[in-house]
Amino acid sequence: MRHANILKTISVAVIILMGSATLSNAQNLAGKWQMIRSGYNITKQDGTQLQPRVEIKAKGMLVIWEFFGDGKFSATDGKSPVQLGRWKVNGNKLIISGDWARELSQAVGQNGDLVFEIETSSKSGAGTLLTTKVDATKISNYKKNILYQEFQKL
């Protein structure tokens, strides 16, 4: 159940802040993205695979990330204050910095800036999708625990 608590914390805090092509440059990321789902890819100690997920958009929750061309970043749920930071892409890594990003980084077992592996893809009828992944194994009781979030470009 620890993974559910972490997902709830991330979603409620809105600090939260399929794929074929890896981002080749930061320009592909600039713009607004709405989270459509979030979940975990879990491997239990016995090798059993679990994939719990929450359909964020379908449940009426609104989480928007915006990447500005000048390196600024914002995240909002439409209710809480907008969370601000900075962003950059290094290969297939998205790095978000700022006080709140460091707090979230610690919540998923990282130190320093929040670092995600990212992929983009296009789906017929869904447009451009962004998938972020972060290894949250350090804070779980599982052999492997990857938090992922999927966003649709607005």
Protein backbone atom coordinates (compact mmCIF):
# COMPACT_ATOMS: atom_id res chain seq x y z
CA MET A 1 0.00 0.00 0.00
CA ARG A 2 2.99 2.29 0.30
CA HIS A 3 2.89 2.90 -3.47
CA ALA A 4 -0.73 4.11 -3.17
CA ASN A 5 0.26 6.55 -0.43
CA ILE A 6 3.09 7.94 -2.52
CA LEU A 7 0.82 8.36 -5.55
CA LYS A 8 -1.78 10.08 -3.37
CA THR A 9 0.85 12.41 -1.90
CA ILE A 10 2.15 13.34 -5.31
CA SER A 11 -1.33 13.86 -6.76
CA VAL A 12 -2.70 15.82 -3.83
CA ALA A 13 0.37 18.02 -3.56
CA VAL A 14 0.33 18.63 -7.31
CA ILE A 15 4.02 18.66 -7.23
CA ILE A 16 3.65 15.81 -9.53
CA LEU A 17 4.34 17.21 -10.66
CA MET A 18 3.19 4.80 -25.38
CA GLY A 19 6.11 5.33 -26.90
CA SER A 20 8.29 5.10 -29.90
CA ALA A 21 10.50 8.18 -30.15
CA THR A 22 12.74 9.67 -27.51
CA LEU A 23 12.80 13.45 -27.37
CA SER A 24 15.56 14.70 -29.59
CA ASN A 25 15.52 18.27 -28.25
CA ALA A 26 13.83 20.48 -25.70
CA GLN A 27 11.70 22.26 -28.30
CA ASN A 28 9.52 19.15 -28.57
CA LEU A 29 8.58 19.56 -24.92
CA ALA A 30 7.70 23.28 -24.90
CA GLY A 31 3.99 23.91 -24.35
CA LYS A 32 1.15 22.71 -22.12
CA TRP A 33 0.61 19.07 -21.20
CA GLN A 34 -2.36 17.56 -19.34
CA MET A 35 -1.80 14.46 -17.22
CA ILE A 36 -4.10 11.67 -18.35
CA ARG A 37 -2.89 8.81 -16.14
CA SER A 38 -0.36 7.90 -13.49
CA GLY A 39 0.70 4.61 -12.00
CA TYR A 40 3.44 2.18 -11.14
CA ASN A 41 5.26 -0.64 -12.88
CA ILE A 42 6.06 -2.87 -9.91
CA THR A 43 8.09 -6.06 -9.63
CA LYS A 44 7.51 -7.87 -6.34
CA GLN A 45 10.28 -9.82 -4.61
CA ASP A 46 8.90 -13.08 -6.08
CA GLY A 47 8.97 -11.63 -9.63
CA THR A 48 5.22 -10.97 -9.85
CA GLN A 49 4.41 -7.91 -11.95
CA LEU A 50 1.80 -5.31 -10.90
CA GLN A 51 0.68 -2.25 -12.82
CA PRO A 52 -1.71 -0.19 -10.68
CA ARG A 53 -2.77 3.03 -12.36
CA VAL A 54 -5.12 5.96 -11.96
CA GLU A 55 -6.93 7.52 -14.90
CA ILE A 56 -6.34 11.12 -13.80
CA LYS A 57 -8.21 12.85 -16.62
CA ALA A 58 -11.12 10.36 -16.62
CA LYS A 59 -11.59 10.92 -12.88
CA GLY A 60 -12.00 14.66 -13.53
CA MET A 61 -8.68 15.61 -11.94
CA LEU A 62 -6.83 18.39 -13.73
CA VAL A 63 -3.05 18.40 -13.66
CA ILE A 64 -1.28 20.66 -16.15
CA TRP A 65 2.46 20.96 -16.67
CA GLU A 66 3.73 23.82 -18.83
CA PHE A 67 7.21 24.01 -20.25
CA PHE A 68 8.21 27.50 -21.40
CA GLY A 69 10.82 28.07 -24.10
CA ASP A 70 12.98 30.09 -21.71
CA GLY A 71 13.43 27.12 -19.34
CA LYS A 72 10.71 28.05 -16.87
CA PHE A 73 8.23 25.39 -15.71
CA SER A 74 4.85 25.46 -13.99
CA ALA A 75 2.54 22.78 -12.62
CA THR A 76 -1.03 23.26 -11.47
CA ASP A 77 -4.16 21.36 -10.57
CA GLY A 78 -6.38 24.40 -11.10
CA LYS A 79 -7.03 24.71 -7.33
CA SER A 80 -3.69 24.93 -5.53
CA PRO A 81 -1.11 27.65 -6.12
CA VAL A 82 0.91 27.14 -9.28
CA GLN A 83 4.20 25.39 -8.61
CA LEU A 84 7.13 27.04 -10.40
CA GLY A 85 10.56 25.79 -11.32
CA ARG A 86 13.00 25.41 -14.17
CA TRP A 87 13.42 22.57 -16.65
CA LYS A 88 15.91 21.19 -19.13
CA VAL A 89 16.31 18.09 -21.24
CA ASN A 90 19.56 16.14 -21.32
CA GLY A 91 19.22 13.24 -23.77
CA ASN A 92 16.16 11.29 -22.61
CA LYS A 93 16.24 12.88 -19.13
CA LEU A 94 13.91 15.67 -18.02
CA ILE A 95 15.40 17.64 -15.13
CA ILE A 96 13.10 19.89 -13.10
CA SER A 97 14.64 22.16 -10.48
CA GLY A 98 13.31 24.42 -7.75
CA ASP A 99 12.48 24.07 -4.07
CA TRP A 100 9.30 22.04 -4.59
CA ALA A 101 11.01 19.80 -7.19
CA ARG A 102 13.72 18.95 -4.67
CA GLU A 103 11.04 18.06 -2.10
CA LEU A 104 9.33 15.74 -4.58
CA SER A 105 12.70 14.33 -5.58
CA GLN A 106 13.26 13.31 -1.96
CA ALA A 107 9.74 11.84 -1.77
CA VAL A 108 10.62 9.40 -4.57
CA GLY A 109 14.06 8.58 -3.21
CA GLN A 110 16.22 10.92 -5.28
CA ASN A 111 18.52 13.71 -4.10
CA GLY A 112 18.68 17.17 -5.65
CA ASP A 113 16.69 18.05 -8.74
CA LEU A 114 13.83 15.84 -9.91
CA VAL A 115 14.96 13.66 -12.84
CA PHE A 116 12.61 11.70 -15.09
CA GLU A 117 13.27 9.43 -18.06
CA ILE A 118 10.99 10.66 -20.84
CA GLU A 119 9.51 9.41 -24.11
CA THR A 120 7.16 10.99 -26.60
CA SER A 121 4.84 9.27 -29.02
CA SER A 122 1.88 9.95 -31.25
CA LYS A 123 -1.37 8.03 -31.06
CA SER A 124 -4.19 8.29 -33.54
CA GLY A 125 -6.96 10.30 -31.91
CA ALA A 126 -4.83 11.19 -28.88
CA GLY A 127 -2.19 13.40 -30.46
CA THR A 128 1.24 13.77 -28.91
CA LEU A 129 1.88 11.95 -25.64
CA LEU A 130 4.66 12.38 -23.08
CA THR A 131 5.56 9.61 -20.64
CA THR A 132 7.69 10.40 -17.61
CA LYS A 133 9.25 7.67 -15.47
CA VAL A 134 11.12 7.80 -12.18
CA ASP A 135 12.55 4.94 -10.16
CA ALA A 136 10.86 4.98 -6.74
CA THR A 137 12.27 1.62 -5.61
CA LYS A 138 14.23 3.19 -2.73
CA ILE A 139 11.03 4.18 -0.96
CA SER A 140 9.11 0.97 -1.58
CA ASN A 141 9.09 -2.60 -0.36
CA TYR A 142 9.39 -3.95 -3.90
CA LYS A 143 12.24 -5.34 -5.96
CA LYS A 144 11.48 -2.65 -8.56
CA ASN A 145 9.01 0.26 -8.45
CA ILE A 146 8.78 2.70 -11.36
CA LEU A 147 6.37 5.63 -11.10
CA TYR A 148 5.10 6.77 -14.48
CA GLN A 149 2.90 9.61 -15.65
CA GLU A 150 1.37 10.08 -19.07
CA PHE A 151 0.54 13.50 -20.46
CA GLN A 152 -1.29 14.66 -23.58
CA LYS A 153 -0.12 17.81 -25.33
CA LEU A 154 -2.77 20.51 -25.37
